[in-house]
């Protein structure tokens, strides 16, 4: 499987600094998108520290034996080693950011959302914390793979609020899990088999705050996959006021040609 990935981040029209972070490895197979929060540039510190911690931890251990008992706080055998490794990296990032937040008064309360994916062996292993999202675009449809950690989503799961009610609720803007704010963090983990033609879109809420899923799908399918798709999405966000930073990553799966296999 050939993977092509493009990323773009934009400060928007109403922010002075960009507290989002984006990482794409050299092969486009490890992608991280984070959205920092906190005053006095603390959000920028949190997202950068979390990103670097996850990337370094994953790279260091991705070749280790798959069942090192000292590496994991818990290991879910229904998922691959790489999925568990990503989640463990997020746990570690949470601890590191919490510790950093105690060093200076201006860092108190800083944190970051996260969505990330590792693409390997015809599999996509993903994690997320907060409301940064990952979408699967397949056969002309779009599906959110990530899980929003918001008070509104929590109430939907408990049957207290309907999804229709949640759309207009202010609770959809209040996060219930964030990297770096509490010693305990909920990390959503999922995994799926990938096929040629699949696309993954990772994004911060700078995009989803102003565009519905169906609009995102229309724009992605309107053009040949590439950086121009991200340029167009950011252009639309900015035309609509861009209340926040916006960060996007688009990955496209294509079947390896026979010529490539022979070489």
Foldseek 3Di string as FASTA:
>chain_A
DQKDKDKDWFFFDAGPDALWDWDADPRRFKIKIKFKDFPPCLRNVLNVLLVVQLVVQLVVPVPPPQCDPVQAPDDDPVDGSSLRSSVSSLLVSLVVLLVVLVPDVRNAQMFMWMWMWGDDDQKIKIKIFAPWWKWKQDPLDIDTPYDHQWPLSVCCVVVNDPPVRSVPDPRSVHGPATRHNDNDGDMDIDMDGHDAFMKMKTKDCLQVVPDDPVRLSCLCVVDDDDVVSVVVSVVVSNVVRSPGMMMMMMMGGHDDDPVNVVD
